[in-house]
Amino acid sequence: MTDSFFQKVYAVVEQIPCGKVISYGDIAKLIGYPRRARFVGFAMRACPDHLPWHRVIRSDGSIAGGDFAPVREMLLRNEGIPFLPDGRVDLQKCRAVIPDATDKS
């Protein structure tokens, strides 16, 4: 994927408000690549530190990130993100609504 793909991902991530989350797949759809959630994950591995990277989660509400998963969970809980009893984020209560980011020109 190109740098422009990564920049589109980061433009969406930048819009995720505190107390909300979005899935990798949601971001892929918003930027016009509905079947590229995995590539969004690749972009997130290089996400600039100033962006709310911790607010991007899996479509089932689980938290990705390997060794960083506990840090993500702590950051999300500190923002008041609701979790289900099984440890997943309750997406029905906190999914961010971001305007479509595809280029309409």
PDB file of N, CA and C in Angstrom:
ATOM      1  N   MET A   1       0.850  -1.172   0.000  1.00  0.00           N
ATOM      2  CA  MET A   1       0.000   0.000   0.000  1.00  0.00           C
ATOM      3  C   MET A   1       0.897   1.237   0.000  1.00  0.00           C
ATOM      4  N   THR A   2       0.325   2.315  -0.422  1.00  0.00           N
ATOM      5  CA  THR A   2       1.108   3.531  -0.577  1.00  0.00           C
ATOM      6  C   THR A   2       0.996   4.440   0.644  1.00  0.00           C
ATOM      7  N   ASP A   3       1.867   5.440   0.654  1.00  0.00           N
ATOM      8  CA  ASP A   3       1.811   6.434   1.726  1.00  0.00           C
ATOM      9  C   ASP A   3       0.458   7.120   1.768  1.00  0.00           C
ATOM     10  N   SER A   4      -0.167   7.324   0.603  1.00  0.00           N
ATOM     11  CA  SER A   4      -1.467   8.008   0.581  1.00  0.00           C
ATOM     12  C   SER A   4      -2.534   7.175   1.295  1.00  0.00           C
ATOM     13  N   PHE A   5      -2.451   5.850   1.191  1.00  0.00           N
ATOM     14  CA  PHE A   5      -3.376   4.984   1.926  1.00  0.00           C
ATOM     15  C   PHE A   5      -3.190   5.219   3.419  1.00  0.00           C
ATOM     16  N   PHE A   6      -1.949   5.189   3.875  1.00  0.00           N
ATOM     17  CA  PHE A   6      -1.663   5.400   5.288  1.00  0.00           C
ATOM     18  C   PHE A   6      -2.177   6.770   5.731  1.00  0.00           C
ATOM     19  N   GLN A   7      -1.976   7.802   4.920  1.00  0.00           N
ATOM     20  CA  GLN A   7      -2.432   9.143   5.283  1.00  0.00           C
ATOM     21  C   GLN A   7      -3.954   9.202   5.396  1.00  0.00           C
ATOM     22  N   LYS A   8      -4.654   8.483   4.529  1.00  0.00           N
ATOM     23  CA  LYS A   8      -6.117   8.429   4.622  1.00  0.00           C
ATOM     24  C   LYS A   8      -6.545   7.747   5.924  1.00  0.00           C
ATOM     25  N   VAL A   9      -5.845   6.680   6.286  1.00  0.00           N
ATOM     26  CA  VAL A   9      -6.131   5.995   7.552  1.00  0.00           C
ATOM     27  C   VAL A   9      -5.934   6.967   8.708  1.00  0.00           C
ATOM     28  N   TYR A  10      -4.820   7.652   8.719  1.00  0.00           N
ATOM     29  CA  TYR A  10      -4.510   8.567   9.820  1.00  0.00           C
ATOM     30  C   TYR A  10      -5.486   9.741   9.885  1.00  0.00           C
ATOM     31  N   ALA A  11      -5.992  10.178   8.732  1.00  0.00           N
ATOM     32  CA  ALA A  11      -6.979  11.259   8.719  1.00  0.00           C
ATOM     33  C   ALA A  11      -8.264  10.832   9.433  1.00  0.00           C
ATOM     34  N   VAL A  12      -8.632   9.559   9.301  1.00  0.00           N
ATOM     35  CA  VAL A  12      -9.807   9.045  10.009  1.00  0.00           C
ATOM     36  C   VAL A  12      -9.493   8.888  11.495  1.00  0.00           C
ATOM     37  N   VAL A  13      -8.359   8.298  11.807  1.00  0.00           N
ATOM     38  CA  VAL A  13      -7.983   8.079  13.204  1.00  0.00           C
ATOM     39  C   VAL A  13      -7.972   9.400  13.964  1.00  0.00           C
ATOM     40  N   GLU A  14      -7.501  10.435  13.319  1.00  0.00           N
ATOM     41  CA  GLU A  14      -7.428  11.755  13.943  1.00  0.00           C
ATOM     42  C   GLU A  14      -8.803  12.267  14.378  1.00  0.00           C
ATOM     43  N   GLN A  15      -9.860  11.790  13.725  1.00  0.00           N
ATOM     44  CA  GLN A  15     -11.225  12.257  14.006  1.00  0.00           C
ATOM     45  C   GLN A  15     -11.943  11.463  15.100  1.00  0.00           C
ATOM     46  N   ILE A  16     -11.346  10.386  15.591  1.00  0.00           N
ATOM     47  CA  ILE A  16     -12.026   9.563  16.592  1.00  0.00           C
ATOM     48  C   ILE A  16     -12.047  10.322  17.920  1.00  0.00           C
ATOM     49  N   PRO A  17     -13.244  10.657  18.398  1.00  0.00           N
ATOM     50  CA  PRO A  17     -13.303  11.426  19.642  1.00  0.00           C
ATOM     51  C   PRO A  17     -13.008  10.582  20.879  1.00  0.00           C
ATOM     52  N   CYS A  18     -12.621  11.260  21.926  1.00  0.00           N
ATOM     53  CA  CYS A  18     -12.395  10.604  23.207  1.00  0.00           C
ATOM     54  C   CYS A  18     -13.689   9.900  23.631  1.00  0.00           C
ATOM     55  N   GLY A  19     -13.564   8.678  24.125  1.00  0.00           N
ATOM     56  CA  GLY A  19     -14.725   7.916  24.559  1.00  0.00           C
ATOM     57  C   GLY A  19     -15.402   7.138  23.457  1.00  0.00           C
ATOM     58  N   LYS A  20     -14.795   7.133  22.273  1.00  0.00           N
ATOM     59  CA  LYS A  20     -15.336   6.397  21.120  1.00  0.00           C
ATOM     60  C   LYS A  20     -14.241   5.532  20.527  1.00  0.00           C
ATOM     61  N   VAL A  21     -14.650   4.501  19.792  1.00  0.00           N
ATOM     62  CA  VAL A  21     -13.721   3.612  19.098  1.00  0.00           C
ATOM     63  C   VAL A  21     -14.230   3.356  17.687  1.00  0.00           C
ATOM     64  N   ILE A  22     -13.363   2.784  16.873  1.00  0.00           N
ATOM     65  CA  ILE A  22     -13.729   2.406  15.510  1.00  0.00           C
ATOM     66  C   ILE A  22     -12.920   1.166  15.154  1.00  0.00           C
ATOM     67  N   SER A  23     -13.459   0.344  14.270  1.00  0.00           N
ATOM     68  CA  SER A  23     -12.745  -0.879  13.897  1.00  0.00           C
ATOM     69  C   SER A  23     -11.872  -0.653  12.668  1.00  0.00           C
ATOM     70  N   TYR A  24     -10.921  -1.547  12.509  1.00  0.00           N
ATOM     71  CA  TYR A  24     -10.059  -1.516  11.323  1.00  0.00           C
ATOM     72  C   TYR A  24     -10.912  -1.569  10.059  1.00  0.00           C
ATOM     73  N   GLY A  25     -11.918  -2.430  10.059  1.00  0.00           N
ATOM     74  CA  GLY A  25     -12.805  -2.565   8.905  1.00  0.00           C
ATOM     75  C   GLY A  25     -13.619  -1.315   8.636  1.00  0.00           C
ATOM     76  N   ASP A  26     -14.072  -0.659   9.711  1.00  0.00           N
ATOM     77  CA  ASP A  26     -14.807   0.599   9.540  1.00  0.00           C
ATOM     78  C   ASP A  26     -13.938   1.630   8.835  1.00  0.00           C
ATOM     79  N   ILE A  27     -12.691   1.714   9.266  1.00  0.00           N
ATOM     80  CA  ILE A  27     -11.775   2.673   8.633  1.00  0.00           C
ATOM     81  C   ILE A  27     -11.577   2.321   7.162  1.00  0.00           C
ATOM     82  N   ALA A  28     -11.374   1.045   6.870  1.00  0.00           N
ATOM     83  CA  ALA A  28     -11.185   0.619   5.475  1.00  0.00           C
ATOM     84  C   ALA A  28     -12.378   1.032   4.615  1.00  0.00           C
ATOM     85  N   LYS A  29     -13.593   0.842   5.118  1.00  0.00           N
ATOM     86  CA  LYS A  29     -14.790   1.247   4.367  1.00  0.00           C
ATOM     87  C   LYS A  29     -14.836   2.755   4.180  1.00  0.00           C
ATOM     88  N   LEU A  30     -14.527   3.488   5.228  1.00  0.00           N
ATOM     89  CA  LEU A  30     -14.588   4.950   5.160  1.00  0.00           C
ATOM     90  C   LEU A  30     -13.639   5.545   4.129  1.00  0.00           C
ATOM     91  N   ILE A  31     -12.498   4.905   3.924  1.00  0.00           N
ATOM     92  CA  ILE A  31     -11.528   5.464   2.972  1.00  0.00           C
ATOM     93  C   ILE A  31     -11.646   4.846   1.574  1.00  0.00           C
ATOM     94  N   GLY A  32     -12.676   4.010   1.398  1.00  0.00           N
ATOM     95  CA  GLY A  32     -12.946   3.476   0.065  1.00  0.00           C
ATOM     96  C   GLY A  32     -12.291   2.154  -0.265  1.00  0.00           C
ATOM     97  N   TYR A  33     -11.811   1.439   0.746  1.00  0.00           N
ATOM     98  CA  TYR A  33     -11.190   0.128   0.557  1.00  0.00           C
ATOM     99  C   TYR A  33     -11.857  -0.878   1.493  1.00  0.00           C
ATOM    100  N   PRO A  34     -13.118  -1.235   1.232  1.00  0.00           N
ATOM    101  CA  PRO A  34     -13.892  -2.027   2.192  1.00  0.00           C
ATOM    102  C   PRO A  34     -13.332  -3.406   2.539  1.00  0.00           C
ATOM    103  N   ARG A  35     -12.451  -3.942   1.757  1.00  0.00           N
ATOM    104  CA  ARG A  35     -11.912  -5.268   2.041  1.00  0.00           C
ATOM    105  C   ARG A  35     -10.438  -5.210   2.459  1.00  0.00           C
ATOM    106  N   ARG A  36     -10.015  -4.081   2.983  1.00  0.00           N
ATOM    107  CA  ARG A  36      -8.603  -3.891   3.315  1.00  0.00           C
ATOM    108  C   ARG A  36      -8.370  -3.603   4.801  1.00  0.00           C
ATOM    109  N   ALA A  37      -9.149  -4.195   5.673  1.00  0.00           N
ATOM    110  CA  ALA A  37      -8.962  -3.985   7.114  1.00  0.00           C
ATOM    111  C   ALA A  37      -7.553  -4.370   7.550  1.00  0.00           C
ATOM    112  N   ARG A  38      -7.020  -5.426   6.970  1.00  0.00           N
ATOM    113  CA  ARG A  38      -5.668  -5.857   7.332  1.00  0.00           C
ATOM    114  C   ARG A  38      -4.630  -4.790   6.985  1.00  0.00           C
ATOM    115  N   PHE A  39      -4.843  -4.103   5.869  1.00  0.00           N
ATOM    116  CA  PHE A  39      -3.916  -3.047   5.473  1.00  0.00           C
ATOM    117  C   PHE A  39      -4.026  -1.841   6.411  1.00  0.00           C
ATOM    118  N   VAL A  40      -5.241  -1.610   6.919  1.00  0.00           N
ATOM    119  CA  VAL A  40      -5.397  -0.568   7.938  1.00  0.00           C
ATOM    120  C   VAL A  40      -4.546  -0.953   9.148  1.00  0.00           C
ATOM    121  N   GLY A  41      -4.537  -2.221   9.490  1.00  0.00           N
ATOM    122  CA  GLY A  41      -3.691  -2.700  10.584  1.00  0.00           C
ATOM    123  C   GLY A  41      -2.223  -2.429  10.328  1.00  0.00           C
ATOM    124  N   PHE A  42      -1.785  -2.628   9.085  1.00  0.00           N
ATOM    125  CA  PHE A  42      -0.388  -2.330   8.743  1.00  0.00           C
ATOM    126  C   PHE A  42      -0.103  -0.843   8.955  1.00  0.00           C
ATOM    127  N   ALA A  43      -1.047   0.000   8.533  1.00  0.00           N
ATOM    128  CA  ALA A  43      -0.871   1.440   8.719  1.00  0.00           C
ATOM    129  C   ALA A  43      -0.814   1.790  10.202  1.00  0.00           C
ATOM    130  N   MET A  44      -1.630   1.117  10.993  1.00  0.00           N
ATOM    131  CA  MET A  44      -1.674   1.436  12.421  1.00  0.00           C
ATOM    132  C   MET A  44      -0.378   1.059  13.134  1.00  0.00           C
ATOM    133  N   ARG A  45       0.349   0.114  12.598  1.00  0.00           N
ATOM    134  CA  ARG A  45       1.647  -0.241  13.204  1.00  0.00           C
ATOM    135  C   ARG A  45       2.639   0.911  13.131  1.00  0.00           C
ATOM    136  N   ALA A  46       2.422   1.807  12.159  1.00  0.00           N
ATOM    137  CA  ALA A  46       3.314   2.958  11.987  1.00  0.00           C
ATOM    138  C   ALA A  46       2.602   4.269  12.340  1.00  0.00           C
ATOM    139  N   CYS A  47       1.513   4.167  13.065  1.00  0.00           N
ATOM    140  CA  CYS A  47       0.704   5.338  13.391  1.00  0.00           C
ATOM    141  C   CYS A  47       1.505   6.350  14.212  1.00  0.00           C
ATOM    142  N   PRO A  48       1.442   7.619  13.823  1.00  0.00           N
ATOM    143  CA  PRO A  48       2.121   8.648  14.617  1.00  0.00           C
ATOM    144  C   PRO A  48       1.595   8.659  16.058  1.00  0.00           C
ATOM    145  N   ASP A  49       2.500   8.873  16.989  1.00  0.00           N
ATOM    146  CA  ASP A  49       2.156   8.815  18.408  1.00  0.00           C
ATOM    147  C   ASP A  49       1.109   9.834  18.836  1.00  0.00           C
ATOM    148  N   HIS A  50       1.008  10.958  18.144  1.00  0.00           N
ATOM    149  CA  HIS A  50       0.067  11.995  18.566  1.00  0.00           C
ATOM    150  C   HIS A  50      -1.384  11.662  18.226  1.00  0.00           C
ATOM    151  N   LEU A  51      -1.612  10.626  17.435  1.00  0.00           N
ATOM    152  CA  LEU A  51      -2.976  10.223  17.074  1.00  0.00           C
ATOM    153  C   LEU A  51      -3.515   9.219  18.091  1.00  0.00           C
ATOM    154  N   PRO A  52      -4.837   9.143  18.235  1.00  0.00           N
ATOM    155  CA  PRO A  52      -5.436   8.220  19.205  1.00  0.00           C
ATOM    156  C   PRO A  52      -5.464   6.770  18.695  1.00  0.00           C
ATOM    157  N   TRP A  53      -4.309   6.204  18.496  1.00  0.00           N
ATOM    158  CA  TRP A  53      -4.138   4.855  17.945  1.00  0.00           C
ATOM    159  C   TRP A  53      -4.861   3.798  18.779  1.00  0.00           C
ATOM    160  N   HIS A  54      -4.978   4.027  20.056  1.00  0.00           N
ATOM    161  CA  HIS A  54      -5.592   3.042  20.959  1.00  0.00           C
ATOM    162  C   HIS A  54      -7.090   2.900  20.734  1.00  0.00           C
ATOM    163  N   ARG A  55      -7.703   3.822  20.008  1.00  0.00           N
ATOM    164  CA  ARG A  55      -9.149   3.788  19.768  1.00  0.00           C
ATOM    165  C   ARG A  55      -9.540   2.955  18.556  1.00  0.00           C
ATOM    166  N   VAL A  56      -8.584   2.303  17.914  1.00  0.00           N
ATOM    167  CA  VAL A  56      -8.859   1.435  16.769  1.00  0.00           C
ATOM    168  C   VAL A  56      -8.789  -0.004  17.263  1.00  0.00           C
ATOM    169  N   ILE A  57      -9.903  -0.720  17.090  1.00  0.00           N
ATOM    170  CA  ILE A  57     -10.023  -2.077  17.626  1.00  0.00           C
ATOM    171  C   ILE A  57     -10.542  -3.026  16.546  1.00  0.00           C
ATOM    172  N   ARG A  58     -10.616  -4.291  16.888  1.00  0.00           N
ATOM    173  CA  ARG A  58     -11.138  -5.289  15.947  1.00  0.00           C
ATOM    174  C   ARG A  58     -12.661  -5.182  15.842  1.00  0.00           C
ATOM    175  N   SER A  59     -13.198  -5.717  14.761  1.00  0.00           N
ATOM    176  CA  SER A  59     -14.634  -5.599  14.491  1.00  0.00           C
ATOM    177  C   SER A  59     -15.499  -6.326  15.515  1.00  0.00           C
ATOM    178  N   ASP A  60     -14.924  -7.269  16.248  1.00  0.00           N
ATOM    179  CA  ASP A  60     -15.702  -7.973  17.285  1.00  0.00           C
ATOM    180  C   ASP A  60     -15.569  -7.297  18.653  1.00  0.00           C
ATOM    181  N   GLY A  61     -14.862  -6.171  18.694  1.00  0.00           N
ATOM    182  CA  GLY A  61     -14.685  -5.442  19.943  1.00  0.00           C
ATOM    183  C   GLY A  61     -13.446  -5.834  20.716  1.00  0.00           C
ATOM    184  N   SER A  62     -12.717  -6.824  20.230  1.00  0.00           N
ATOM    185  CA  SER A  62     -11.499  -7.219  20.936  1.00  0.00           C
ATOM    186  C   SER A  62     -10.372  -6.234  20.610  1.00  0.00           C
ATOM    187  N   ILE A  63      -9.391  -6.231  21.475  1.00  0.00           N
ATOM    188  CA  ILE A  63      -8.289  -5.287  21.359  1.00  0.00           C
ATOM    189  C   ILE A  63      -7.077  -5.987  20.772  1.00  0.00           C
ATOM    190  N   ALA A  64      -6.576  -5.433  19.681  1.00  0.00           N
ATOM    191  CA  ALA A  64      -5.359  -5.953  19.055  1.00  0.00           C
ATOM    192  C   ALA A  64      -4.160  -5.257  19.677  1.00  0.00           C
ATOM    193  N   GLY A  65      -2.996  -5.659  19.287  1.00  0.00           N
ATOM    194  CA  GLY A  65      -1.819  -4.930  19.709  1.00  0.00           C
ATOM    195  C   GLY A  65      -0.760  -5.748  20.405  1.00  0.00           C
ATOM    196  N   GLY A  66      -0.935  -7.058  20.493  1.00  0.00           N
ATOM    197  CA  GLY A  66       0.104  -7.883  21.096  1.00  0.00           C
ATOM    198  C   GLY A  66       0.487  -7.393  22.478  1.00  0.00           C
ATOM    199  N   ASP A  67       1.753  -7.053  22.635  1.00  0.00           N
ATOM    200  CA  ASP A  67       2.253  -6.583  23.932  1.00  0.00           C
ATOM    201  C   ASP A  67       1.623  -5.265  24.361  1.00  0.00           C
ATOM    202  N   PHE A  68       1.087  -4.495  23.393  1.00  0.00           N
ATOM    203  CA  PHE A  68       0.490  -3.203  23.716  1.00  0.00           C
ATOM    204  C   PHE A  68      -0.997  -3.307  24.065  1.00  0.00           C
ATOM    205  N   ALA A  69      -1.602  -4.491  23.930  1.00  0.00           N
ATOM    206  CA  ALA A  69      -3.032  -4.658  24.215  1.00  0.00           C
ATOM    207  C   ALA A  69      -3.394  -4.210  25.630  1.00  0.00           C
ATOM    208  N   PRO A  70      -2.624  -4.575  26.671  1.00  0.00           N
ATOM    209  CA  PRO A  70      -2.978  -4.099  28.013  1.00  0.00           C
ATOM    210  C   PRO A  70      -2.909  -2.572  28.149  1.00  0.00           C
ATOM    211  N   VAL A  71      -1.974  -1.943  27.450  1.00  0.00           N
ATOM    212  CA  VAL A  71      -1.881  -0.482  27.470  1.00  0.00           C
ATOM    213  C   VAL A  71      -3.110   0.110  26.803  1.00  0.00           C
ATOM    214  N   ARG A  72      -3.485  -0.443  25.664  1.00  0.00           N
ATOM    215  CA  ARG A  72      -4.686   0.023  24.961  1.00  0.00           C
ATOM    216  C   ARG A  72      -5.910  -0.098  25.845  1.00  0.00           C
ATOM    217  N   GLU A  73      -6.049  -1.262  26.475  1.00  0.00           N
ATOM    218  CA  GLU A  73      -7.216  -1.470  27.341  1.00  0.00           C
ATOM    219  C   GLU A  73      -7.246  -0.430  28.465  1.00  0.00           C
ATOM    220  N   MET A  74      -6.120  -0.177  29.083  1.00  0.00           N
ATOM    221  CA  MET A  74      -6.054   0.801  30.160  1.00  0.00           C
ATOM    222  C   MET A  74      -6.442   2.192  29.648  1.00  0.00           C
ATOM    223  N   LEU A  75      -5.916   2.591  28.486  1.00  0.00           N
ATOM    224  CA  LEU A  75      -6.242   3.898  27.926  1.00  0.00           C
ATOM    225  C   LEU A  75      -7.730   4.013  27.611  1.00  0.00           C
ATOM    226  N   LEU A  76      -8.302   2.952  27.058  1.00  0.00           N
ATOM    227  CA  LEU A  76      -9.728   2.961  26.734  1.00  0.00           C
ATOM    228  C   LEU A  76     -10.579   3.021  27.999  1.00  0.00           C
ATOM    229  N   ARG A  77     -10.230   2.238  28.990  1.00  0.00           N
ATOM    230  CA  ARG A  77     -10.977   2.268  30.255  1.00  0.00           C
ATOM    231  C   ARG A  77     -10.880   3.649  30.906  1.00  0.00           C
ATOM    232  N   ASN A  78      -9.717   4.283  30.820  1.00  0.00           N
ATOM    233  CA  ASN A  78      -9.552   5.630  31.374  1.00  0.00           C
ATOM    234  C   ASN A  78     -10.419   6.660  30.669  1.00  0.00           C
ATOM    235  N   GLU A  79     -10.786   6.378  29.411  1.00  0.00           N
ATOM    236  CA  GLU A  79     -11.672   7.271  28.659  1.00  0.00           C
ATOM    237  C   GLU A  79     -13.142   6.946  28.898  1.00  0.00           C
ATOM    238  N   GLY A  80     -13.405   5.912  29.686  1.00  0.00           N
ATOM    239  CA  GLY A  80     -14.783   5.537  29.974  1.00  0.00           C
ATOM    240  C   GLY A  80     -15.414   4.619  28.951  1.00  0.00           C
ATOM    241  N   ILE A  81     -14.605   3.986  28.124  1.00  0.00           N
ATOM    242  CA  ILE A  81     -15.119   3.048  27.128  1.00  0.00           C
ATOM    243  C   ILE A  81     -15.753   1.860  27.857  1.00  0.00           C
ATOM    244  N   PRO A  82     -17.000   1.497  27.505  1.00  0.00           N
ATOM    245  CA  PRO A  82     -17.649   0.357  28.156  1.00  0.00           C
ATOM    246  C   PRO A  82     -17.150  -0.971  27.594  1.00  0.00           C
ATOM    247  N   PHE A  83     -16.940  -1.917  28.474  1.00  0.00           N
ATOM    248  CA  PHE A  83     -16.503  -3.258  28.097  1.00  0.00           C
ATOM    249  C   PHE A  83     -17.584  -4.267  28.438  1.00  0.00           C
ATOM    250  N   LEU A  84     -17.649  -5.314  27.660  1.00  0.00           N
ATOM    251  CA  LEU A  84     -18.552  -6.432  27.915  1.00  0.00           C
ATOM    252  C   LEU A  84     -17.910  -7.359  28.948  1.00  0.00           C
ATOM    253  N   PRO A  85     -18.696  -8.236  29.567  1.00  0.00           N
ATOM    254  CA  PRO A  85     -18.131  -9.152  30.561  1.00  0.00           C
ATOM    255  C   PRO A  85     -16.987 -10.025  30.038  1.00  0.00           C
ATOM    256  N   ASP A  86     -16.972 -10.292  28.731  1.00  0.00           N
ATOM    257  CA  ASP A  86     -15.915 -11.150  28.165  1.00  0.00           C
ATOM    258  C   ASP A  86     -14.642 -10.370  27.818  1.00  0.00           C
ATOM    259  N   GLY A  87     -14.593  -9.074  28.137  1.00  0.00           N
ATOM    260  CA  GLY A  87     -13.389  -8.288  27.917  1.00  0.00           C
ATOM    261  C   GLY A  87     -13.344  -7.520  26.613  1.00  0.00           C
ATOM    262  N   ARG A  88     -14.360  -7.687  25.779  1.00  0.00           N
ATOM    263  CA  ARG A  88     -14.403  -6.934  24.523  1.00  0.00           C
ATOM    264  C   ARG A  88     -15.069  -5.579  24.749  1.00  0.00           C
ATOM    265  N   VAL A  89     -14.736  -4.615  23.889  1.00  0.00           N
ATOM    266  CA  VAL A  89     -15.373  -3.307  23.925  1.00  0.00           C
ATOM    267  C   VAL A  89     -16.822  -3.458  23.476  1.00  0.00           C
ATOM    268  N   ASP A  90     -17.727  -2.734  24.130  1.00  0.00           N
ATOM    269  CA  ASP A  90     -19.138  -2.739  23.749  1.00  0.00           C
ATOM    270  C   ASP A  90     -19.327  -1.743  22.603  1.00  0.00           C
ATOM    271  N   LEU A  91     -19.165  -2.228  21.389  1.00  0.00           N
ATOM    272  CA  LEU A  91     -19.224  -1.365  20.206  1.00  0.00           C
ATOM    273  C   LEU A  91     -20.581  -0.702  20.022  1.00  0.00           C
ATOM    274  N   GLN A  92     -21.645  -1.347  20.469  1.00  0.00           N
ATOM    275  CA  GLN A  92     -22.973  -0.744  20.315  1.00  0.00           C
ATOM    276  C   GLN A  92     -23.086   0.558  21.108  1.00  0.00           C
ATOM    277  N   LYS A  93     -22.303   0.696  22.148  1.00  0.00           N
ATOM    278  CA  LYS A  93     -22.390   1.882  22.992  1.00  0.00           C
ATOM    279  C   LYS A  93     -21.357   2.960  22.655  1.00  0.00           C
ATOM    280  N   CYS A  94     -20.307   2.596  21.932  1.00  0.00           N
ATOM    281  CA  CYS A  94     -19.241   3.605  21.768  1.00  0.00           C
ATOM    282  C   CYS A  94     -18.591   3.641  20.393  1.00  0.00           C
ATOM    283  N   ARG A  95     -19.239   3.091  19.363  1.00  0.00           N
ATOM    284  CA  ARG A  95     -18.652   3.164  18.019  1.00  0.00           C
ATOM    285  C   ARG A  95     -18.717   4.598  17.507  1.00  0.00           C
ATOM    286  N   ALA A  96     -17.600   5.115  17.055  1.00  0.00           N
ATOM    287  CA  ALA A  96     -17.533   6.474  16.512  1.00  0.00           C
ATOM    288  C   ALA A  96     -18.229   6.533  15.160  1.00  0.00           C
ATOM    289  N   VAL A  97     -18.864   7.642  14.908  1.00  0.00           N
ATOM    290  CA  VAL A  97     -19.465   7.909  13.603  1.00  0.00           C
ATOM    291  C   VAL A  97     -18.605   8.982  12.948  1.00  0.00           C
ATOM    292  N   ILE A  98     -17.911   8.583  11.905  1.00  0.00           N
ATOM    293  CA  ILE A  98     -16.992   9.461  11.184  1.00  0.00           C
ATOM    294  C   ILE A  98     -17.542   9.646   9.770  1.00  0.00           C
ATOM    295  N   PRO A  99     -17.524  10.858   9.252  1.00  0.00           N
ATOM    296  CA  PRO A  99     -18.004  11.061   7.880  1.00  0.00           C
ATOM    297  C   PRO A  99     -17.181  10.246   6.871  1.00  0.00           C
ATOM    298  N   ASP A 100     -17.816   9.864   5.788  1.00  0.00           N
ATOM    299  CA  ASP A 100     -17.160   9.131   4.723  1.00  0.00           C
ATOM    300  C   ASP A 100     -15.951   9.916   4.238  1.00  0.00           C
ATOM    301  N   ALA A 101     -14.804   9.253   4.195  1.00  0.00           N
ATOM    302  CA  ALA A 101     -13.553   9.932   3.849  1.00  0.00           C
ATOM    303  C   ALA A 101     -13.115   9.686   2.412  1.00  0.00           C
ATOM    304  N   THR A 102     -13.943   9.033   1.622  1.00  0.00           N
ATOM    305  CA  THR A 102     -13.546   8.793   0.233  1.00  0.00           C
ATOM    306  C   THR A 102     -13.582  10.097  -0.532  1.00  0.00           C
ATOM    307  N   ASP A 103     -12.703  10.201  -1.506  1.00  0.00           N
ATOM    308  CA  ASP A 103     -12.627  11.405  -2.337  1.00  0.00           C
ATOM    309  C   ASP A 103     -13.805  11.426  -3.285  1.00  0.00           C
ATOM    310  N   LYS A 104     -14.625  12.424  -3.184  1.00  0.00           N
ATOM    311  CA  LYS A 104     -15.837  12.497  -4.006  1.00  0.00           C
ATOM    312  C   LYS A 104     -15.647  13.416  -5.214  1.00  0.00           C
ATOM    313  N   SER A 105     -14.429  13.846  -5.466  1.00  0.00           N
ATOM    314  CA  SER A 105     -14.208  14.748  -6.600  1.00  0.00           C
ATOM    315  C   SER A 105     -14.081  14.004  -7.896  1.00  0.00           C
TER     316      SER A 105
END
